[in-house]
Amino acid sequence: MTGFGVGESVLAPSEGGPARDKITVEIRAVNHRFLDVRVRVPSQLPDLASVVEALARERLNRGRFDVNVRVDGAVLGAMVIDQERARSVFSALKALRDELAPNADVPLALLGTVPDLFVPSIEREGRALDAALAAAFDGALKSLDAMRVREGMSLAEDLVRRLGTIRRLMQAITARAPNVVEAYRKRLKERAERLRAAADVEIDAGRLEQELALFADRIDVAEELTRLESHCAHFESLLPGVETVGRRLDFLLQEMAREANTIGSKGQDVAIAHAVVELKAEIERMREQVQNVE
């Protein structure tokens, strides 16, 4: 289900740290059959991507989600030295000096050439950064859910209307079915009369009735219509729920399409065939809509 949500959180400073830095999380959701999470974080903080993706996969279920993390304030641009890395590098340089040139100096300026020695000061915030990120993500998710709830209500209304159309088509098929048998009875009698007139052969009335009974049994769609109504009722009962129902709704529509195909193969009537075409088209429209349901 489509939607957009934004959440913000102020980064709680460590001792002597910045006090007004803000983390913003934006979540954009579009329709997708499965869960697909795409994360963008500041280039200075690539490790945040895995944290955000873990949050998303823990709290989201179905759809494609684009999650964008933004950090505003001086903390992202402020750089500090990675002291542990600096000590390790300097110790390694001194050990190499002792081996190659014991009396040589090891200038501290050499540390300036070491890659990744300076890191954004925000990385020093540790748990405060994780807490602010989780709070911003929760805010964005809450905002997204509010928008998706509004869309979900409209979607549920549309699906209920389409269920009404399906039921009206089912009623039309039910009303038409007896006429098909009667029309076949009429054609059968006409053929018997022509055969009697052409070949002077007496046709057994009992045999005609037996053939008519077999035909009526072959085209009987009462069982399929009953199952179709059962699926409709189950589908409708799931719509007001708050739990994840998208996959169950999709499965029910697959079963409804199966019943519609069987009715079409049994129908042997133009009016029923037209109704089945409309029925299958309506089910397919509902399947497209259900792809939006989590």
C-alpha atoms as a PDB file:
ATOM      1  CA  MET A   1       0.000   0.000   0.000  1.00  0.00           C
ATOM      2  CA  THR A   2       1.378   3.399  -0.922  1.00  0.00           C
ATOM      3  CA  GLY A   3       2.190   6.040   1.642  1.00  0.00           C
ATOM      4  CA  PHE A   4       4.748   8.470   3.014  1.00  0.00           C
ATOM      5  CA  GLY A   5       5.888   9.148   6.566  1.00  0.00           C
ATOM      6  CA  VAL A   6       8.443  11.373   8.260  1.00  0.00           C
ATOM      7  CA  GLY A   7       9.905  11.083  11.743  1.00  0.00           C
ATOM      8  CA  GLU A   8      12.439  13.257  13.557  1.00  0.00           C
ATOM      9  CA  SER A   9      14.511  12.923  16.712  1.00  0.00           C
ATOM     10  CA  VAL A  10      17.081  15.128  18.398  1.00  0.00           C
ATOM     11  CA  LEU A  11      20.367  13.408  19.064  1.00  0.00           C
ATOM     12  CA  ALA A  12      21.003  13.409  22.812  1.00  0.00           C
ATOM     13  CA  PRO A  13      24.558  14.713  23.231  1.00  0.00           C
ATOM     14  CA  SER A  14      27.283  12.975  25.122  1.00  0.00           C
ATOM     15  CA  GLU A  15      29.358  15.005  27.571  1.00  0.00           C
ATOM     16  CA  GLY A  16      30.716  17.975  25.712  1.00  0.00           C
ATOM     17  CA  GLY A  17      28.958  16.865  22.516  1.00  0.00           C
ATOM     18  CA  PRO A  18      26.695  18.873  20.219  1.00  0.00           C
ATOM     19  CA  ALA A  19      23.204  19.616  21.493  1.00  0.00           C
ATOM     20  CA  ARG A  20      21.062  20.508  18.485  1.00  0.00           C
ATOM     21  CA  ASP A  21      21.710  17.826  15.905  1.00  0.00           C
ATOM     22  CA  LYS A  22      18.646  16.160  14.403  1.00  0.00           C
ATOM     23  CA  ILE A  23      18.018  12.843  12.674  1.00  0.00           C
ATOM     24  CA  THR A  24      15.213  12.655  10.120  1.00  0.00           C
ATOM     25  CA  VAL A  25      13.837   9.419   8.674  1.00  0.00           C
ATOM     26  CA  GLU A  26      11.584   9.395   5.612  1.00  0.00           C
ATOM     27  CA  ILE A  27       9.758   6.251   4.505  1.00  0.00           C
ATOM     28  CA  ARG A  28       8.088   5.942   1.116  1.00  0.00           C
ATOM     29  CA  ALA A  29       5.974   2.850   0.500  1.00  0.00           C
ATOM     30  CA  VAL A  30       4.708   1.516  -2.811  1.00  0.00           C
ATOM     31  CA  ASN A  31       2.906  -1.672  -3.760  1.00  0.00           C
ATOM     32  CA  HIS A  32       4.854  -4.921  -3.891  1.00  0.00           C
ATOM     33  CA  ARG A  33       3.959  -8.573  -3.375  1.00  0.00           C
ATOM     34  CA  PHE A  34       6.863  -9.130  -1.005  1.00  0.00           C
ATOM     35  CA  LEU A  35       9.008  -7.110   1.387  1.00  0.00           C
ATOM     36  CA  ASP A  36      11.641  -5.015  -0.398  1.00  0.00           C
ATOM     37  CA  VAL A  37      13.608  -2.493   1.680  1.00  0.00           C
ATOM     38  CA  ARG A  38      15.950   0.081   0.155  1.00  0.00           C
ATOM     39  CA  VAL A  39      17.964   2.309   2.470  1.00  0.00           C
ATOM     40  CA  ARG A  40      19.857   5.547   1.881  1.00  0.00           C
ATOM     41  CA  VAL A  41      22.049   6.990   4.624  1.00  0.00           C
ATOM     42  CA  PRO A  42      24.654   9.797   4.719  1.00  0.00           C
ATOM     43  CA  SER A  43      27.835   8.762   2.953  1.00  0.00           C
ATOM     44  CA  GLN A  44      29.772   9.565   6.134  1.00  0.00           C
ATOM     45  CA  LEU A  45      27.781   6.932   8.043  1.00  0.00           C
ATOM     46  CA  PRO A  46      27.561   3.837   5.810  1.00  0.00           C
ATOM     47  CA  ASP A  47      27.222   1.505   8.804  1.00  0.00           C
ATOM     48  CA  LEU A  48      23.808   3.000   9.572  1.00  0.00           C
ATOM     49  CA  ALA A  49      22.339   1.232   6.527  1.00  0.00           C
ATOM     50  CA  SER A  50      22.419  -2.188   8.170  1.00  0.00           C
ATOM     51  CA  VAL A  51      20.890  -0.781  11.374  1.00  0.00           C
ATOM     52  CA  VAL A  52      18.035   0.875   9.475  1.00  0.00           C
ATOM     53  CA  GLU A  53      17.392  -2.213   7.355  1.00  0.00           C
ATOM     54  CA  ALA A  54      17.184  -4.360  10.485  1.00  0.00           C
ATOM     55  CA  LEU A  55      14.621  -1.947  11.970  1.00  0.00           C
ATOM     56  CA  ALA A  56      12.613  -2.013   8.746  1.00  0.00           C
ATOM     57  CA  ARG A  57      12.552  -5.802   8.379  1.00  0.00           C
ATOM     58  CA  GLU A  58      11.548  -6.169  12.015  1.00  0.00           C
ATOM     59  CA  ARG A  59       8.571  -3.800  11.764  1.00  0.00           C
ATOM     60  CA  LEU A  60       7.391  -3.967   8.154  1.00  0.00           C
ATOM     61  CA  ASN A  61       5.664  -6.817   6.385  1.00  0.00           C
ATOM     62  CA  ARG A  62       4.793  -6.312   2.726  1.00  0.00           C
ATOM     63  CA  GLY A  63       5.593  -3.707   0.109  1.00  0.00           C
ATOM     64  CA  ARG A  64       8.573  -1.841  -1.256  1.00  0.00           C
ATOM     65  CA  PHE A  65       9.960   0.716   1.183  1.00  0.00           C
ATOM     66  CA  ASP A  66      12.473   3.439   0.396  1.00  0.00           C
ATOM     67  CA  VAL A  67      13.988   4.627   3.676  1.00  0.00           C
ATOM     68  CA  ASN A  68      16.031   7.829   3.634  1.00  0.00           C
ATOM     69  CA  VAL A  69      18.039   8.921   6.701  1.00  0.00           C
ATOM     70  CA  ARG A  70      19.221  12.505   7.017  1.00  0.00           C
ATOM     71  CA  VAL A  71      21.372  14.059   9.758  1.00  0.00           C
ATOM     72  CA  ASP A  72      21.181  17.836  10.208  1.00  0.00           C
ATOM     73  CA  GLY A  73      23.585  19.827  12.330  1.00  0.00           C
ATOM     74  CA  ALA A  74      27.269  20.342  12.886  1.00  0.00           C
ATOM     75  CA  VAL A  75      27.914  16.865  14.231  1.00  0.00           C
ATOM     76  CA  LEU A  76      27.964  15.190  10.804  1.00  0.00           C
ATOM     77  CA  GLY A  77      30.664  17.518   9.499  1.00  0.00           C
ATOM     78  CA  ALA A  78      32.732  17.533  12.662  1.00  0.00           C
ATOM     79  CA  MET A  79      35.616  15.109  12.448  1.00  0.00           C
ATOM     80  CA  VAL A  80      37.485  13.514  15.326  1.00  0.00           C
ATOM     81  CA  ILE A  81      40.480  11.235  15.380  1.00  0.00           C
ATOM     82  CA  ASP A  82      40.003   7.528  15.919  1.00  0.00           C
ATOM     83  CA  GLN A  83      42.366   7.323  18.874  1.00  0.00           C
ATOM     84  CA  GLU A  84      42.534   3.545  19.051  1.00  0.00           C
ATOM     85  CA  ARG A  85      43.428   3.347  15.365  1.00  0.00           C
ATOM     86  CA  ALA A  86      45.974   6.167  15.744  1.00  0.00           C
ATOM     87  CA  ARG A  87      47.697   4.426  18.660  1.00  0.00           C
ATOM     88  CA  SER A  88      47.787   1.164  16.766  1.00  0.00           C
ATOM     89  CA  VAL A  89      49.241   2.766  13.637  1.00  0.00           C
ATOM     90  CA  PHE A  90      51.821   4.779  15.590  1.00  0.00           C
ATOM     91  CA  SER A  91      52.910   1.693  17.528  1.00  0.00           C
ATOM     92  CA  ALA A  92      53.322  -0.191  14.262  1.00  0.00           C
ATOM     93  CA  LEU A  93      55.399   2.670  12.820  1.00  0.00           C
ATOM     94  CA  LYS A  94      57.667   2.728  15.876  1.00  0.00           C
ATOM     95  CA  ALA A  95      58.159  -1.029  15.723  1.00  0.00           C
ATOM     96  CA  LEU A  96      59.128  -0.704  12.071  1.00  0.00           C
ATOM     97  CA  ARG A  97      61.496   2.169  12.968  1.00  0.00           C
ATOM     98  CA  ASP A  98      63.161   0.046  15.660  1.00  0.00           C
ATOM     99  CA  GLU A  99      63.715  -2.679  13.119  1.00  0.00           C
ATOM    100  CA  LEU A 100      64.930  -0.570  10.203  1.00  0.00           C
ATOM    101  CA  ALA A 101      66.364   2.652  11.664  1.00  0.00           C
ATOM    102  CA  PRO A 102      66.558   2.616  15.462  1.00  0.00           C
ATOM    103  CA  ASN A 103      67.737   6.229  15.815  1.00  0.00           C
ATOM    104  CA  ALA A 104      65.245   7.783  13.378  1.00  0.00           C
ATOM    105  CA  ASP A 105      62.321   9.958  14.463  1.00  0.00           C
ATOM    106  CA  VAL A 106      58.704   8.946  13.816  1.00  0.00           C
ATOM    107  CA  PRO A 107      56.877  12.233  13.164  1.00  0.00           C
ATOM    108  CA  LEU A 108      53.220  12.422  14.183  1.00  0.00           C
ATOM    109  CA  ALA A 109      52.551  14.062  10.838  1.00  0.00           C
ATOM    110  CA  LEU A 110      52.697  10.611   9.286  1.00  0.00           C
ATOM    111  CA  LEU A 111      49.354   9.823  10.899  1.00  0.00           C
ATOM    112  CA  GLY A 112      47.711  12.397   8.653  1.00  0.00           C
ATOM    113  CA  THR A 113      48.291  10.103   5.672  1.00  0.00           C
ATOM    114  CA  VAL A 114      46.541   7.152   7.261  1.00  0.00           C
ATOM    115  CA  PRO A 115      43.157   6.455   5.588  1.00  0.00           C
ATOM    116  CA  ASP A 116      40.018   6.591   7.758  1.00  0.00           C
ATOM    117  CA  LEU A 117      41.912   7.900  10.758  1.00  0.00           C
ATOM    118  CA  PHE A 118      39.482  10.790  11.104  1.00  0.00           C
ATOM    119  CA  VAL A 119      35.823   9.869  11.483  1.00  0.00           C
ATOM    120  CA  PRO A 120      32.611  11.905  11.916  1.00  0.00           C
ATOM    121  CA  SER A 121      32.144  12.812  15.527  1.00  0.00           C
ATOM    122  CA  ILE A 122      28.616  11.412  15.351  1.00  0.00           C
ATOM    123  CA  GLU A 123      30.100   7.927  15.293  1.00  0.00           C
ATOM    124  CA  ARG A 124      31.307   8.612  18.819  1.00  0.00           C
ATOM    125  CA  GLU A 125      27.725   9.040  20.021  1.00  0.00           C
ATOM    126  CA  GLY A 126      27.189   5.276  20.101  1.00  0.00           C
ATOM    127  CA  ARG A 127      23.962   4.321  21.856  1.00  0.00           C
ATOM    128  CA  ALA A 128      22.603   7.862  21.668  1.00  0.00           C
ATOM    129  CA  LEU A 129      22.762   7.651  17.861  1.00  0.00           C
ATOM    130  CA  ASP A 130      20.990   4.282  17.804  1.00  0.00           C
ATOM    131  CA  ALA A 131      18.278   5.551  20.163  1.00  0.00           C
ATOM    132  CA  ALA A 132      17.686   8.704  18.117  1.00  0.00           C
ATOM    133  CA  LEU A 133      17.587   6.685  14.907  1.00  0.00           C
ATOM    134  CA  ALA A 134      15.036   4.220  16.345  1.00  0.00           C
ATOM    135  CA  ALA A 135      12.867   7.096  17.633  1.00  0.00           C
ATOM    136  CA  ALA A 136      12.937   8.837  14.233  1.00  0.00           C
ATOM    137  CA  PHE A 137      12.128   5.559  12.465  1.00  0.00           C
ATOM    138  CA  ASP A 138       9.178   4.924  14.807  1.00  0.00           C
ATOM    139  CA  GLY A 139       7.865   8.419  14.127  1.00  0.00           C
ATOM    140  CA  ALA A 140       8.119   7.930  10.373  1.00  0.00           C
ATOM    141  CA  LEU A 141       6.411   4.545  10.600  1.00  0.00           C
ATOM    142  CA  LYS A 142       3.571   6.001  12.681  1.00  0.00           C
ATOM    143  CA  SER A 143       3.065   8.770  10.133  1.00  0.00           C
ATOM    144  CA  LEU A 144       3.183   6.251   7.279  1.00  0.00           C
ATOM    145  CA  ASP A 145       0.665   3.960   8.983  1.00  0.00           C
ATOM    146  CA  ALA A 146      -1.780   6.850   9.460  1.00  0.00           C
ATOM    147  CA  MET A 147      -1.708   7.565   5.723  1.00  0.00           C
ATOM    148  CA  ARG A 148      -1.996   3.885   4.846  1.00  0.00           C
ATOM    149  CA  VAL A 149      -4.978   3.451   7.185  1.00  0.00           C
ATOM    150  CA  ARG A 150      -6.830   6.188   5.320  1.00  0.00           C
ATOM    151  CA  GLU A 151      -5.996   4.567   2.006  1.00  0.00           C
ATOM    152  CA  GLY A 152      -6.926   1.154   3.400  1.00  0.00           C
ATOM    153  CA  MET A 153     -10.410   2.330   4.335  1.00  0.00           C
ATOM    154  CA  SER A 154     -11.015   3.548   0.781  1.00  0.00           C
ATOM    155  CA  LEU A 155      -9.596   0.316  -0.607  1.00  0.00           C
ATOM    156  CA  ALA A 156     -11.842  -1.795   1.641  1.00  0.00           C
ATOM    157  CA  GLU A 157     -14.900   0.141   0.455  1.00  0.00           C
ATOM    158  CA  ASP A 158     -13.916  -0.479  -3.168  1.00  0.00           C
ATOM    159  CA  LEU A 159     -13.436  -4.207  -2.549  1.00  0.00           C
ATOM    160  CA  VAL A 160     -16.822  -4.473  -0.833  1.00  0.00           C
ATOM    161  CA  ARG A 161     -18.465  -2.796  -3.837  1.00  0.00           C
ATOM    162  CA  ARG A 162     -16.792  -5.266  -6.152  1.00  0.00           C
ATOM    163  CA  LEU A 163     -17.967  -8.159  -4.000  1.00  0.00           C
ATOM    164  CA  GLY A 164     -21.489  -6.813  -4.497  1.00  0.00           C
ATOM    165  CA  THR A 165     -20.968  -6.890  -8.265  1.00  0.00           C
ATOM    166  CA  ILE A 166     -19.730 -10.488  -8.075  1.00  0.00           C
ATOM    167  CA  ARG A 167     -22.768 -11.527  -6.067  1.00  0.00           C
ATOM    168  CA  ARG A 168     -25.126  -9.877  -8.556  1.00  0.00           C
ATOM    169  CA  LEU A 169     -23.451 -11.794 -11.377  1.00  0.00           C
ATOM    170  CA  MET A 170     -23.790 -15.003  -9.379  1.00  0.00           C
ATOM    171  CA  GLN A 171     -27.512 -14.330  -8.941  1.00  0.00           C
ATOM    172  CA  ALA A 172     -27.848 -13.767 -12.685  1.00  0.00           C
ATOM    173  CA  ILE A 173     -26.118 -17.102 -13.384  1.00  0.00           C
ATOM    174  CA  THR A 174     -28.349 -18.887 -10.844  1.00  0.00           C
ATOM    175  CA  ALA A 175     -31.474 -17.428 -12.425  1.00  0.00           C
ATOM    176  CA  ARG A 176     -30.332 -18.307 -15.939  1.00  0.00           C
ATOM    177  CA  ALA A 177     -29.306 -21.941 -15.274  1.00  0.00           C
ATOM    178  CA  PRO A 178     -32.853 -23.494 -15.379  1.00  0.00           C
ATOM    179  CA  ASN A 179     -33.471 -21.843 -18.754  1.00  0.00           C
ATOM    180  CA  VAL A 180     -30.436 -23.651 -20.168  1.00  0.00           C
ATOM    181  CA  VAL A 181     -31.914 -27.033 -19.250  1.00  0.00           C
ATOM    182  CA  GLU A 182     -35.294 -26.073 -20.641  1.00  0.00           C
ATOM    183  CA  ALA A 183     -33.752 -24.867 -23.893  1.00  0.00           C
ATOM    184  CA  TYR A 184     -31.867 -28.150 -24.207  1.00  0.00           C
ATOM    185  CA  ARG A 185     -35.095 -30.086 -23.570  1.00  0.00           C
ATOM    186  CA  LYS A 186     -36.754 -28.163 -26.383  1.00  0.00           C
ATOM    187  CA  ARG A 187     -33.886 -28.825 -28.818  1.00  0.00           C
ATOM    188  CA  LEU A 188     -33.835 -32.505 -27.869  1.00  0.00           C
ATOM    189  CA  LYS A 189     -37.560 -32.897 -28.563  1.00  0.00           C
ATOM    190  CA  GLU A 190     -37.229 -31.090 -31.894  1.00  0.00           C
ATOM    191  CA  ARG A 191     -34.446 -33.443 -32.956  1.00  0.00           C
ATOM    192  CA  ALA A 192     -36.525 -36.447 -31.914  1.00  0.00           C
ATOM    193  CA  GLU A 193     -39.466 -35.180 -33.951  1.00  0.00           C
ATOM    194  CA  ARG A 194     -37.298 -34.653 -37.027  1.00  0.00           C
ATOM    195  CA  LEU A 195     -35.815 -38.149 -36.653  1.00  0.00           C
ATOM    196  CA  ARG A 196     -39.303 -39.662 -36.264  1.00  0.00           C
ATOM    197  CA  ALA A 197     -40.535 -37.866 -39.352  1.00  0.00           C
ATOM    198  CA  ALA A 198     -37.494 -38.720 -41.477  1.00  0.00           C
ATOM    199  CA  ALA A 199     -36.984 -42.363 -40.507  1.00  0.00           C
ATOM    200  CA  ASP A 200     -40.370 -43.291 -39.068  1.00  0.00           C
ATOM    201  CA  VAL A 201     -38.599 -44.344 -35.852  1.00  0.00           C
ATOM    202  CA  GLU A 202     -40.296 -44.106 -32.484  1.00  0.00           C
ATOM    203  CA  ILE A 203     -38.085 -42.394 -29.865  1.00  0.00           C
ATOM    204  CA  ASP A 204     -38.225 -43.700 -26.325  1.00  0.00           C
ATOM    205  CA  ALA A 205     -39.456 -40.855 -24.091  1.00  0.00           C
ATOM    206  CA  GLY A 206     -37.648 -42.386 -21.111  1.00  0.00           C
ATOM    207  CA  ARG A 207     -34.392 -42.308 -23.040  1.00  0.00           C
ATOM    208  CA  LEU A 208     -34.924 -38.611 -23.793  1.00  0.00           C
ATOM    209  CA  GLU A 209     -35.505 -37.841 -20.127  1.00  0.00           C
ATOM    210  CA  GLN A 210     -32.371 -39.766 -19.192  1.00  0.00           C
ATOM    211  CA  GLU A 211     -30.318 -37.764 -21.677  1.00  0.00           C
ATOM    212  CA  LEU A 212     -31.830 -34.562 -20.328  1.00  0.00           C
ATOM    213  CA  ALA A 213     -30.961 -35.567 -16.734  1.00  0.00           C
ATOM    214  CA  LEU A 214     -27.363 -36.292 -17.728  1.00  0.00           C
ATOM    215  CA  PHE A 215     -27.109 -32.903 -19.427  1.00  0.00           C
ATOM    216  CA  ALA A 216     -28.565 -31.126 -16.402  1.00  0.00           C
ATOM    217  CA  ASP A 217     -26.016 -32.835 -14.162  1.00  0.00           C
ATOM    218  CA  ARG A 218     -23.118 -31.862 -16.453  1.00  0.00           C
ATOM    219  CA  ILE A 219     -24.012 -28.178 -16.477  1.00  0.00           C
ATOM    220  CA  ASP A 220     -25.040 -27.915 -12.817  1.00  0.00           C
ATOM    221  CA  VAL A 221     -23.012 -25.104 -11.243  1.00  0.00           C
ATOM    222  CA  ALA A 222     -24.778 -24.974  -7.879  1.00  0.00           C
ATOM    223  CA  GLU A 223     -21.762 -26.439  -6.070  1.00  0.00           C
ATOM    224  CA  GLU A 224     -19.367 -23.929  -7.646  1.00  0.00           C
ATOM    225  CA  LEU A 225     -21.682 -21.024  -6.835  1.00  0.00           C
ATOM    226  CA  THR A 226     -21.938 -22.191  -3.219  1.00  0.00           C
ATOM    227  CA  ARG A 227     -18.170 -22.323  -2.864  1.00  0.00           C
ATOM    228  CA  LEU A 228     -17.848 -18.956  -4.567  1.00  0.00           C
ATOM    229  CA  GLU A 229     -20.268 -17.403  -2.087  1.00  0.00           C
ATOM    230  CA  SER A 230     -18.353 -18.988   0.773  1.00  0.00           C
ATOM    231  CA  HIS A 231     -15.127 -17.410  -0.501  1.00  0.00           C
ATOM    232  CA  CYS A 232     -16.885 -14.047  -0.836  1.00  0.00           C
ATOM    233  CA  ALA A 233     -18.129 -14.223   2.753  1.00  0.00           C
ATOM    234  CA  HIS A 234     -14.672 -15.195   4.051  1.00  0.00           C
ATOM    235  CA  PHE A 235     -13.060 -12.404   2.028  1.00  0.00           C
ATOM    236  CA  GLU A 236     -15.482  -9.839   3.422  1.00  0.00           C
ATOM    237  CA  SER A 237     -14.930 -11.029   6.997  1.00  0.00           C
ATOM    238  CA  LEU A 238     -11.180 -10.378   6.695  1.00  0.00           C
ATOM    239  CA  LEU A 239     -11.467  -6.764   5.546  1.00  0.00           C
ATOM    240  CA  PRO A 240     -12.188  -5.114   8.942  1.00  0.00           C
ATOM    241  CA  GLY A 241      -9.262  -6.907  10.632  1.00  0.00           C
ATOM    242  CA  VAL A 242      -6.075  -5.174  11.723  1.00  0.00           C
ATOM    243  CA  GLU A 243      -3.692  -8.091  11.176  1.00  0.00           C
ATOM    244  CA  THR A 244      -1.799  -8.815   7.951  1.00  0.00           C
ATOM    245  CA  VAL A 245      -4.330 -10.292   5.508  1.00  0.00           C
ATOM    246  CA  GLY A 246      -2.961  -9.496   2.045  1.00  0.00           C
ATOM    247  CA  ARG A 247      -1.753 -13.007   1.242  1.00  0.00           C
ATOM    248  CA  ARG A 248      -4.978 -14.618   2.484  1.00  0.00           C
ATOM    249  CA  LEU A 249      -7.084 -12.257   0.388  1.00  0.00           C
ATOM    250  CA  ASP A 250      -4.943 -13.032  -2.645  1.00  0.00           C
ATOM    251  CA  PHE A 251      -5.358 -16.772  -2.065  1.00  0.00           C
ATOM    252  CA  LEU A 252      -9.144 -16.432  -1.768  1.00  0.00           C
ATOM    253  CA  LEU A 253      -9.274 -14.537  -5.048  1.00  0.00           C
ATOM    254  CA  GLN A 254      -7.280 -17.306  -6.724  1.00  0.00           C
ATOM    255  CA  GLU A 255      -9.892 -19.797  -5.501  1.00  0.00           C
ATOM    256  CA  MET A 256     -12.714 -17.525  -6.679  1.00  0.00           C
ATOM    257  CA  ALA A 257     -11.118 -17.344 -10.127  1.00  0.00           C
ATOM    258  CA  ARG A 258     -10.888 -21.159 -10.162  1.00  0.00           C
ATOM    259  CA  GLU A 259     -14.622 -21.487  -9.432  1.00  0.00           C
ATOM    260  CA  ALA A 260     -15.438 -18.902 -12.108  1.00  0.00           C
ATOM    261  CA  ASN A 261     -13.435 -20.876 -14.676  1.00  0.00           C
ATOM    262  CA  THR A 262     -15.336 -24.060 -13.798  1.00  0.00           C
ATOM    263  CA  ILE A 263     -18.682 -22.269 -14.109  1.00  0.00           C
ATOM    264  CA  GLY A 264     -17.621 -20.980 -17.519  1.00  0.00           C
ATOM    265  CA  SER A 265     -16.644 -24.445 -18.728  1.00  0.00           C
ATOM    266  CA  LYS A 266     -19.981 -25.909 -17.607  1.00  0.00           C
ATOM    267  CA  GLY A 267     -22.262 -23.077 -18.645  1.00  0.00           C
ATOM    268  CA  GLN A 268     -22.944 -23.879 -22.341  1.00  0.00           C
ATOM    269  CA  ASP A 269     -25.034 -20.723 -22.618  1.00  0.00           C
ATOM    270  CA  VAL A 270     -24.256 -17.338 -24.143  1.00  0.00           C
ATOM    271  CA  ALA A 271     -25.779 -15.307 -21.295  1.00  0.00           C
ATOM    272  CA  ILE A 272     -23.923 -17.346 -18.652  1.00  0.00           C
ATOM    273  CA  ALA A 273     -20.693 -17.067 -20.668  1.00  0.00           C
ATOM    274  CA  HIS A 274     -21.038 -13.267 -20.734  1.00  0.00           C
ATOM    275  CA  ALA A 275     -21.700 -13.194 -16.988  1.00  0.00           C
ATOM    276  CA  VAL A 276     -18.640 -15.379 -16.353  1.00  0.00           C
ATOM    277  CA  VAL A 277     -16.448 -13.038 -18.423  1.00  0.00           C
ATOM    278  CA  GLU A 278     -17.602 -10.102 -16.276  1.00  0.00           C
ATOM    279  CA  LEU A 279     -17.159 -12.188 -13.145  1.00  0.00           C
ATOM    280  CA  LYS A 280     -13.561 -13.092 -14.008  1.00  0.00           C
ATOM    281  CA  ALA A 281     -12.768  -9.495 -14.951  1.00  0.00           C
ATOM    282  CA  GLU A 282     -14.073  -8.255 -11.598  1.00  0.00           C
ATOM    283  CA  ILE A 283     -12.047 -10.874  -9.704  1.00  0.00           C
ATOM    284  CA  GLU A 284      -8.928  -9.848 -11.619  1.00  0.00           C
ATOM    285  CA  ARG A 285      -9.525  -6.184 -10.724  1.00  0.00           C
ATOM    286  CA  MET A 286      -9.811  -7.209  -7.086  1.00  0.00           C
ATOM    287  CA  ARG A 287      -6.552  -9.164  -7.333  1.00  0.00           C
ATOM    288  CA  GLU A 288      -4.820  -6.040  -8.618  1.00  0.00           C
ATOM    289  CA  GLN A 289      -6.199  -4.071  -5.677  1.00  0.00           C
ATOM    290  CA  VAL A 290      -5.280  -6.719  -3.136  1.00  0.00           C
ATOM    291  CA  GLN A 291      -1.626  -6.378  -4.134  1.00  0.00           C
ATOM    292  CA  ASN A 292      -1.863  -3.060  -2.243  1.00  0.00           C
ATOM    293  CA  VAL A 293      -2.962  -4.753   0.978  1.00  0.00           C
ATOM    294  CA  GLU A 294      -0.382  -5.663   3.599  1.00  0.00           C
END
